[in-house]
Amino acid sequence: MLRSQVGKPLSDDEHTLLAALAFPTAGRPGDRVDLHRIAETADVCLPQAPPGHIVSVLRSLIAHNFLLAAPGGTYVISDAALRALARRRIP
């Protein structure tokens, strides 16, 4: 699992969506997010992206364990996701 998280850097779209979910303008980091909020955030962050691309971005984030399924149909931003976002900021 660690190899899949470290081995592949975030794409621009993955970074954009993950950062918006992890650090919303309203709310606390680490809050659970439901699919409705994920979809709304994707529409705002990636307005020109076709739906298939957004699904691909979400699948990649889930596959790398950056979005973890939680009870009640929600998702949690993992610590690995926060580390990946921090690595991206470091030049």
C-alpha atoms as a PDB file:
ATOM      1  CA  MET A   1       0.000   0.000   0.000  1.00  0.00           C
ATOM      2  CA  LEU A   2       2.768   2.449   0.904  1.00  0.00           C
ATOM      3  CA  ARG A   3       4.454   1.836  -2.444  1.00  0.00           C
ATOM      4  CA  SER A   4       1.230   2.729  -4.296  1.00  0.00           C
ATOM      5  CA  GLN A   5       0.944   5.956  -2.286  1.00  0.00           C
ATOM      6  CA  VAL A   6       4.554   7.070  -2.663  1.00  0.00           C
ATOM      7  CA  GLY A   7       5.321   5.690  -6.112  1.00  0.00           C
ATOM      8  CA  LYS A   8       2.929   7.827  -8.108  1.00  0.00           C
ATOM      9  CA  PRO A   9       2.761  11.597  -7.638  1.00  0.00           C
ATOM     10  CA  LEU A  10      -0.631  13.254  -7.657  1.00  0.00           C
ATOM     11  CA  SER A  11      -1.824  14.492 -11.025  1.00  0.00           C
ATOM     12  CA  ASP A  12      -2.915  18.119 -11.202  1.00  0.00           C
ATOM     13  CA  ASP A  13      -6.594  17.136 -11.085  1.00  0.00           C
ATOM     14  CA  GLU A  14      -6.073  14.689  -8.206  1.00  0.00           C
ATOM     15  CA  HIS A  15      -4.201  17.372  -6.282  1.00  0.00           C
ATOM     16  CA  THR A  16      -6.862  20.003  -6.943  1.00  0.00           C
ATOM     17  CA  LEU A  17      -9.756  17.805  -5.836  1.00  0.00           C
ATOM     18  CA  LEU A  18      -7.964  16.281  -2.861  1.00  0.00           C
ATOM     19  CA  ALA A  19      -6.816  19.688  -1.577  1.00  0.00           C
ATOM     20  CA  ALA A  20     -10.353  21.087  -1.877  1.00  0.00           C
ATOM     21  CA  LEU A  21     -11.784  18.117   0.012  1.00  0.00           C
ATOM     22  CA  ALA A  22      -9.074  18.103   2.681  1.00  0.00           C
ATOM     23  CA  PHE A  23      -9.042  21.852   3.298  1.00  0.00           C
ATOM     24  CA  PRO A  24     -12.524  23.218   2.598  1.00  0.00           C
ATOM     25  CA  THR A  25     -13.178  26.894   3.142  1.00  0.00           C
ATOM     26  CA  ALA A  26     -15.910  25.955   5.628  1.00  0.00           C
ATOM     27  CA  GLY A  27     -15.410  23.009   7.941  1.00  0.00           C
ATOM     28  CA  ARG A  28     -12.545  21.253   9.627  1.00  0.00           C
ATOM     29  CA  PRO A  29      -9.857  19.206   7.889  1.00  0.00           C
ATOM     30  CA  GLY A  30     -10.416  15.499   8.319  1.00  0.00           C
ATOM     31  CA  ASP A  31     -14.204  15.711   8.432  1.00  0.00           C
ATOM     32  CA  ARG A  32     -16.060  12.928   6.726  1.00  0.00           C
ATOM     33  CA  VAL A  33     -17.307  13.808   3.285  1.00  0.00           C
ATOM     34  CA  ASP A  34     -20.269  12.237   1.572  1.00  0.00           C
ATOM     35  CA  LEU A  35     -20.600  11.534  -2.129  1.00  0.00           C
ATOM     36  CA  HIS A  36     -22.803  14.604  -2.593  1.00  0.00           C
ATOM     37  CA  ARG A  37     -20.066  16.895  -1.252  1.00  0.00           C
ATOM     38  CA  ILE A  38     -17.423  15.102  -3.307  1.00  0.00           C
ATOM     39  CA  ALA A  39     -19.518  15.577  -6.466  1.00  0.00           C
ATOM     40  CA  GLU A  40     -20.173  19.261  -5.719  1.00  0.00           C
ATOM     41  CA  THR A  41     -16.485  19.863  -5.006  1.00  0.00           C
ATOM     42  CA  ALA A  42     -15.466  18.104  -8.223  1.00  0.00           C
ATOM     43  CA  ASP A  43     -17.909  20.240 -10.236  1.00  0.00           C
ATOM     44  CA  VAL A  44     -16.426  23.418  -8.785  1.00  0.00           C
ATOM     45  CA  CYS A  45     -12.757  22.362  -8.914  1.00  0.00           C
ATOM     46  CA  LEU A  46     -12.813  20.644 -12.298  1.00  0.00           C
ATOM     47  CA  PRO A  47     -15.557  22.483 -14.224  1.00  0.00           C
ATOM     48  CA  GLN A  48     -14.300  21.578 -17.719  1.00  0.00           C
ATOM     49  CA  ALA A  49     -13.636  17.904 -16.966  1.00  0.00           C
ATOM     50  CA  PRO A  50     -16.007  15.331 -18.434  1.00  0.00           C
ATOM     51  CA  PRO A  51     -17.787  13.058 -15.932  1.00  0.00           C
ATOM     52  CA  GLY A  52     -15.673  10.048 -16.944  1.00  0.00           C
ATOM     53  CA  HIS A  53     -12.490  11.904 -16.058  1.00  0.00           C
ATOM     54  CA  ILE A  54     -13.844  12.890 -12.643  1.00  0.00           C
ATOM     55  CA  VAL A  55     -14.765   9.266 -11.964  1.00  0.00           C
ATOM     56  CA  SER A  56     -11.225   8.273 -12.976  1.00  0.00           C
ATOM     57  CA  VAL A  57      -9.735  10.839 -10.582  1.00  0.00           C
ATOM     58  CA  LEU A  58     -11.925   9.585  -7.727  1.00  0.00           C
ATOM     59  CA  ARG A  59     -11.062   5.949  -8.456  1.00  0.00           C
ATOM     60  CA  SER A  60      -7.372   6.818  -8.376  1.00  0.00           C
ATOM     61  CA  LEU A  61      -7.709   8.618  -5.032  1.00  0.00           C
ATOM     62  CA  ILE A  62      -9.578   5.642  -3.579  1.00  0.00           C
ATOM     63  CA  ALA A  63      -7.118   3.120  -5.064  1.00  0.00           C
ATOM     64  CA  HIS A  64      -4.205   4.961  -3.438  1.00  0.00           C
ATOM     65  CA  ASN A  65      -6.082   5.002  -0.107  1.00  0.00           C
ATOM     66  CA  PHE A  66      -6.240   8.788  -0.078  1.00  0.00           C
ATOM     67  CA  LEU A  67     -10.037   8.616   0.279  1.00  0.00           C
ATOM     68  CA  LEU A  68     -11.090   5.912   2.727  1.00  0.00           C
ATOM     69  CA  ALA A  69     -14.616   4.542   2.957  1.00  0.00           C
ATOM     70  CA  ALA A  70     -16.220   5.230   6.336  1.00  0.00           C
ATOM     71  CA  PRO A  71     -19.533   4.213   7.884  1.00  0.00           C
ATOM     72  CA  GLY A  72     -22.696   5.743   6.530  1.00  0.00           C
ATOM     73  CA  GLY A  73     -21.541   6.069   2.942  1.00  0.00           C
ATOM     74  CA  THR A  74     -19.006   8.746   3.767  1.00  0.00           C
ATOM     75  CA  TYR A  75     -15.294   9.051   3.049  1.00  0.00           C
ATOM     76  CA  VAL A  76     -12.387  10.253   5.141  1.00  0.00           C
ATOM     77  CA  ILE A  77      -9.276  12.023   3.887  1.00  0.00           C
ATOM     78  CA  SER A  78      -6.411   9.775   5.005  1.00  0.00           C
ATOM     79  CA  ASP A  79      -3.159  10.849   6.625  1.00  0.00           C
ATOM     80  CA  ALA A  80      -1.417   9.523   3.515  1.00  0.00           C
ATOM     81  CA  ALA A  81      -3.428  12.018   1.455  1.00  0.00           C
ATOM     82  CA  LEU A  82      -2.344  14.893   3.661  1.00  0.00           C
ATOM     83  CA  ARG A  83       1.279  13.762   3.324  1.00  0.00           C
ATOM     84  CA  ALA A  84       0.913  13.566  -0.471  1.00  0.00           C
ATOM     85  CA  LEU A  85      -0.465  17.106  -0.522  1.00  0.00           C
ATOM     86  CA  ALA A  86       2.432  18.311   1.616  1.00  0.00           C
ATOM     87  CA  ARG A  87       4.994  16.566  -0.623  1.00  0.00           C
ATOM     88  CA  ARG A  88       3.522  18.314  -3.631  1.00  0.00           C
ATOM     89  CA  ARG A  89       4.057  21.720  -1.984  1.00  0.00           C
ATOM     90  CA  ILE A  90       7.730  21.031  -1.309  1.00  0.00           C
ATOM     91  CA  PRO A  91       9.823  22.088  -4.345  1.00  0.00           C
END
